[in-house]
Amino acid sequence: MIMVKKEALFASLEKAYEDARTKEAEELHNALVEVIQEQKASIPNTLFVLDLIRHTLMEAKHKEIMGVVKLTDTPPISTIKPKEK
């Protein structure tokens, strides 16, 4: 009896977590699509920038795992400043 309730509770929590994760992913995807469409960037440049962002986030996560820094909910991404001529 208790095991059944425990399993149901875990299943319920897992579903709630997955639903929240899916919703967050959908919102992020839609926001990125909006920006990409607005910028009308080429496919290679778009992929290059997405890879730069991916690298930055993975490097930050690696540092967090290794205990170098503590990440917050705010991604450690900053804007690229234009080069001065």
Protein backbone atom coordinates (compact mmCIF):
# COMPACT_ATOMS: atom_id res chain seq x y z
CA MET A 1 0.00 0.00 0.00
CA ILE A 2 2.69 2.47 1.00
CA MET A 3 4.87 1.40 -1.95
CA VAL A 4 2.00 2.04 -4.36
CA LYS A 5 1.49 5.54 -2.96
CA LYS A 6 5.22 6.19 -3.07
CA GLU A 7 5.44 5.07 -6.71
CA ALA A 8 2.42 7.18 -7.62
CA LEU A 9 3.97 10.18 -5.90
CA PHE A 10 7.28 9.70 -7.73
CA ALA A 11 5.46 9.28 -11.04
CA SER A 12 3.48 12.45 -10.37
CA LEU A 13 6.61 14.42 -9.47
CA GLU A 14 8.45 13.10 -12.51
CA LYS A 15 5.57 14.08 -14.82
CA ALA A 16 5.39 17.57 -13.28
CA TYR A 17 9.15 18.00 -13.73
CA GLU A 18 9.06 16.81 -17.34
CA ASP A 19 6.07 19.05 -18.12
CA ALA A 20 7.86 22.10 -16.68
CA ARG A 21 11.06 21.20 -18.54
CA THR A 22 9.18 20.74 -21.82
CA LYS A 23 7.38 24.06 -21.38
CA GLU A 24 10.65 25.88 -20.66
CA ALA A 25 12.30 24.28 -23.69
CA GLU A 26 9.38 25.24 -25.95
CA GLU A 27 9.46 28.85 -24.75
CA LEU A 28 13.22 29.10 -25.23
CA HIS A 29 13.00 27.50 -28.67
CA ASN A 30 10.27 29.90 -29.77
CA ALA A 31 12.17 32.92 -28.44
CA LEU A 32 15.34 31.88 -30.27
CA VAL A 33 13.43 31.22 -33.49
CA GLU A 34 11.92 34.69 -33.24
CA VAL A 35 15.34 36.32 -32.87
CA ILE A 36 16.88 34.26 -35.68
CA GLN A 37 14.03 35.13 -38.04
CA GLU A 38 14.21 38.80 -37.08
CA GLN A 39 17.97 38.94 -37.71
CA LYS A 40 17.73 37.10 -41.06
CA ALA A 41 21.19 35.69 -40.41
CA SER A 42 22.71 33.11 -42.70
CA ILE A 43 22.51 29.47 -41.66
CA PRO A 44 26.30 29.15 -41.15
CA ASN A 45 26.42 32.28 -38.97
CA THR A 46 23.40 31.14 -36.99
CA LEU A 47 24.98 27.75 -36.35
CA PHE A 48 28.30 29.40 -35.46
CA VAL A 49 26.66 31.68 -32.88
CA LEU A 50 24.62 28.83 -31.40
CA ASP A 51 27.84 26.82 -31.09
CA LEU A 52 29.56 29.75 -29.33
CA ILE A 53 26.68 29.95 -26.85
CA ARG A 54 26.76 26.18 -26.36
CA HIS A 55 30.51 26.29 -25.70
CA THR A 56 30.14 29.13 -23.20
CA LEU A 57 27.40 27.32 -21.29
CA MET A 58 29.23 23.99 -21.29
CA GLU A 59 32.44 25.64 -20.08
CA ALA A 60 30.54 27.33 -17.24
CA LYS A 61 28.84 24.06 -16.27
CA HIS A 62 32.20 22.27 -16.33
CA LYS A 63 33.66 24.91 -13.99
CA GLU A 64 30.66 24.50 -11.69
CA ILE A 65 31.09 20.72 -11.61
CA MET A 66 34.80 21.09 -10.88
CA GLY A 67 34.00 23.49 -8.05
CA VAL A 68 35.62 26.55 -9.63
CA VAL A 69 32.46 28.66 -9.69
CA LYS A 70 28.85 28.43 -8.52
CA LEU A 71 26.31 29.04 -11.28
CA THR A 72 23.10 30.90 -10.68
CA ASP A 73 19.87 30.67 -12.63
CA THR A 74 21.19 33.35 -14.98
CA PRO A 75 23.25 31.89 -17.83
CA PRO A 76 26.81 33.26 -17.96
CA ILE A 77 26.44 34.65 -21.46
CA SER A 78 27.47 38.16 -22.33
CA THR A 79 27.15 40.19 -25.47
CA ILE A 80 30.00 40.50 -27.94
CA LYS A 81 31.26 44.03 -28.19
CA PRO A 82 31.83 45.31 -31.74
CA LYS A 83 35.45 45.78 -32.77
CA GLU A 84 36.62 49.35 -33.02
CA LYS A 85 38.17 50.36 -36.32
